[in-house]
Each structure stands twice: as structure tokens, then as C-alpha cells.
Amino acid sequence: MPKCYQLIGVPGSGKSTWVDKQAWAFSCAKVSTDKWVEFYAREVGRTYSEVFNDFMPTAVDLMAKEVVAAREMGRDIIWDQTSTTVKSRARKFNMLPDYEHIAVVFETPAFAELRNRLVRRPGKTIPWTVVSAMIENFEMPSEEEGFKEIRYV
């Protein structure tokens, strides 16, 4: 049975950095909206923040097509989004009902460290109100949601 690794954590918690260091991950399909937003921003010579609002709907569509293609090939998938709520994770379960889902949970760094990490992302500004809301509304994943396994990083 193919696996879907749902990376779960607020922006700046280390999801993308961690997955890029995992040798086993190279054979997986890595899907994210950020990848598409960053690609488009480079193509048009603008920053992530400058294109985010207008391009995000397209990025979501492109990512969904990637998921479908990976599913059709039976590939393992690493889903790199914040996925901080049960509702956001349910969409992933619905798209991949025949997958074994594994939650990979990233601890929210201390306030000062999180601010430092977010500031070190030139051209990729996430409003602190958005990050704060994600922290406040964070829901820990559970086996009852459908996860076969929950890993903590």
C-alpha cells in the first residue's frame, strides 16, 4: 500500500528543511503549493509574497494534479503543507483513500526562534497574524482521523 506522509506544522517549523535532508524521500513525490508559488515568482521576476494572493488558486490546482499523477503511479507522497487542522488534513485523506497516511509532526519553535526563522526568508513574508492563528488553532493529529502512524520530529 502506498504511503502519504502529511507534514504537519506551522510555517517556519522546519518541514521543508527536514524533508530535503531525508535520503528516503528522494523517491517520493513531494507535493506542495509553496513549490509552485516559488516557481512562478522566479518565472515572473517577483517575490513569493508579491505573487501569493493572485497565484495561490493556480498553485492549488497544480498541486492537486501532481497528487493525482502520483496516485495513478502508486507512488509514495510527501505532502508538504502546514496541515495544522483536522479539516485541512481531511482533504488529503479524501484525495488518497487507498493510501496509508503517516503524520509527521513538527514542534512549534519558541517565539523568538520562530520569528528569526520567518525573518530569514527574504521575499516570503507570512503575516504574524496568520502564523499566530495557526498556532492558536493547531490540532494534533490522531489515529481516529485515519493516521496509521504519527511521528514527531
Protein backbone atom coordinates (compact mmCIF):
# COMPACT_ATOMS: atom_id res chain seq x y z
CA MET A 1 0.00 0.00 0.00
CA PRO A 2 1.48 3.39 -0.93
CA LYS A 3 2.14 5.91 1.83
CA CYS A 4 1.26 9.56 2.22
CA TYR A 5 3.42 11.45 4.69
CA GLN A 6 1.49 14.52 5.80
CA LEU A 7 3.93 17.10 7.19
CA ILE A 8 2.17 18.96 9.99
CA GLY A 9 3.48 22.21 11.45
CA VAL A 10 3.28 25.97 11.33
CA PRO A 11 5.31 27.99 8.82
CA GLY A 12 8.94 28.05 9.95
CA SER A 13 8.74 24.82 11.94
CA GLY A 14 11.21 23.09 9.61
CA LYS A 15 9.04 20.88 7.39
CA SER A 16 10.68 21.57 4.02
CA THR A 17 14.16 21.75 5.52
CA TRP A 18 13.68 18.38 7.21
CA VAL A 19 12.30 16.58 4.15
CA ASP A 20 15.13 17.89 1.96
CA LYS A 21 17.59 16.11 4.29
CA GLN A 22 15.86 12.70 4.19
CA ALA A 23 17.56 10.32 1.74
CA TRP A 24 14.50 8.05 1.66
CA ALA A 25 12.37 10.97 0.48
CA PHE A 26 14.11 11.29 -2.90
CA SER A 27 11.97 8.51 -4.39
CA CYS A 28 8.70 10.07 -3.16
CA ALA A 29 6.52 12.56 -4.95
CA LYS A 30 6.85 15.82 -2.99
CA VAL A 31 3.77 17.98 -3.33
CA SER A 32 3.21 21.49 -2.03
CA THR A 33 1.66 24.75 -3.07
CA ASP A 34 4.80 26.63 -1.98
CA LYS A 35 6.84 24.88 -4.66
CA TRP A 36 4.51 26.21 -7.36
CA VAL A 37 4.28 29.72 -5.91
CA GLU A 38 8.08 29.91 -5.68
CA PHE A 39 8.47 28.61 -9.25
CA TYR A 40 6.01 31.14 -10.63
CA ALA A 41 7.59 34.00 -8.68
CA ARG A 42 11.00 33.18 -10.18
CA GLU A 43 9.49 32.94 -13.67
CA VAL A 44 7.96 36.42 -13.47
CA GLY A 45 10.83 38.03 -11.55
CA ARG A 46 8.81 38.76 -8.42
CA THR A 47 8.83 37.52 -4.84
CA TYR A 48 6.75 34.80 -3.26
CA SER A 49 4.88 37.41 -1.24
CA GLU A 50 4.16 39.54 -4.32
CA VAL A 51 2.50 36.71 -6.26
CA PHE A 52 0.99 34.71 -3.38
CA ASN A 53 -2.59 36.04 -3.36
CA ASP A 54 -3.08 36.01 -7.12
CA PHE A 55 -1.29 32.75 -7.87
CA MET A 56 -2.37 30.57 -4.94
CA PRO A 57 -5.56 29.23 -6.62
CA THR A 58 -3.43 28.10 -9.57
CA ALA A 59 -0.83 26.60 -7.23
CA VAL A 60 -3.57 24.57 -5.51
CA ASP A 61 -4.76 23.24 -8.89
CA LEU A 62 -1.23 22.35 -9.98
CA MET A 63 -0.52 20.58 -6.69
CA ALA A 64 -3.78 18.61 -6.98
CA LYS A 65 -2.74 17.46 -10.46
CA GLU A 66 0.59 16.32 -9.00
CA VAL A 67 -1.25 14.33 -6.33
CA VAL A 68 -3.47 12.66 -8.94
CA ALA A 69 -0.47 11.76 -11.13
CA ALA A 70 1.44 10.32 -8.16
CA ARG A 71 -1.64 8.37 -7.07
CA GLU A 72 -2.11 6.94 -10.56
CA MET A 73 1.51 5.75 -10.50
CA GLY A 74 1.15 4.33 -6.99
CA ARG A 75 4.00 6.50 -5.68
CA ASP A 76 4.57 7.38 -2.06
CA ILE A 77 3.76 11.04 -1.45
CA ILE A 78 5.18 13.64 0.90
CA TRP A 79 2.57 16.37 1.34
CA ASP A 80 4.40 19.49 2.46
CA GLN A 81 1.82 21.95 3.73
CA THR A 82 1.02 23.22 7.20
CA SER A 83 -1.93 20.81 7.67
CA THR A 84 -2.49 22.17 11.17
CA THR A 85 -6.21 21.38 11.39
CA VAL A 86 -8.30 18.23 11.12
CA LYS A 87 -10.27 19.86 8.29
CA SER A 88 -7.16 20.58 6.20
CA ARG A 89 -5.93 17.01 6.69
CA ALA A 90 -9.34 15.52 5.79
CA ARG A 91 -8.95 16.82 2.24
CA LYS A 92 -5.74 14.82 1.91
CA PHE A 93 -7.41 11.67 3.23
CA ASN A 94 -10.25 12.19 0.75
CA MET A 95 -7.88 12.55 -2.20
CA LEU A 96 -5.90 9.45 -1.20
CA PRO A 97 -8.34 6.95 0.33
CA ASP A 98 -6.23 3.92 -0.64
CA TYR A 99 -3.05 5.26 0.96
CA GLU A 100 -1.53 4.57 4.35
CA HIS A 101 -1.34 8.01 5.97
CA ILE A 102 1.55 8.89 8.26
CA ALA A 103 1.57 12.15 10.20
CA VAL A 104 4.97 13.79 10.61
CA VAL A 105 4.51 16.44 13.30
CA PHE A 106 6.88 19.39 13.72
CA GLU A 107 7.07 21.17 17.05
CA THR A 108 6.34 24.89 17.00
CA PRO A 109 9.61 26.63 17.86
CA ALA A 110 9.79 29.11 20.72
CA PHE A 111 8.52 32.57 19.78
CA ALA A 112 11.97 34.18 19.28
CA GLU A 113 13.28 31.27 17.20
CA LEU A 114 10.16 31.16 15.05
CA ARG A 115 10.36 34.91 14.39
CA ASN A 116 14.05 34.53 13.43
CA ARG A 117 13.29 31.70 11.02
CA LEU A 118 10.46 33.58 9.36
CA VAL A 119 12.51 36.78 9.02
CA ARG A 120 15.31 34.82 7.28
CA ARG A 121 13.02 34.07 4.35
CA PRO A 122 13.60 37.04 2.06
CA GLY A 123 10.64 37.76 -0.18
CA LYS A 124 8.45 35.25 1.65
CA THR A 125 6.57 37.18 4.29
CA ILE A 126 3.80 35.47 6.21
CA PRO A 127 1.84 37.92 8.35
CA TRP A 128 2.31 37.25 12.05
CA THR A 129 -1.48 37.26 12.47
CA VAL A 130 -1.69 34.26 10.12
CA VAL A 131 1.07 32.39 11.97
CA SER A 132 -0.48 33.21 15.35
CA ALA A 133 -3.87 31.95 14.21
CA MET A 134 -2.29 28.68 13.05
CA ILE A 135 -0.58 28.26 16.41
CA GLU A 136 -3.80 29.01 18.28
CA ASN A 137 -5.92 26.67 16.13
CA PHE A 138 -3.37 23.85 15.86
CA GLU A 139 -4.99 20.43 16.24
CA MET A 140 -2.75 17.46 16.99
CA PRO A 141 -3.26 14.56 14.56
CA SER A 142 -4.77 11.33 15.84
CA GLU A 143 -5.25 7.75 14.75
CA GLU A 144 -9.01 8.42 14.88
CA GLU A 145 -8.54 10.76 11.90
CA GLY A 146 -7.15 7.85 9.95
CA PHE A 147 -3.41 8.05 10.53
CA LYS A 148 -1.70 4.67 10.59
CA GLU A 149 1.27 6.21 12.38
CA ILE A 150 2.20 9.53 13.99
CA ARG A 151 5.85 10.58 14.08
CA TYR A 152 7.27 13.58 15.94
CA VAL A 153 10.28 15.50 14.63
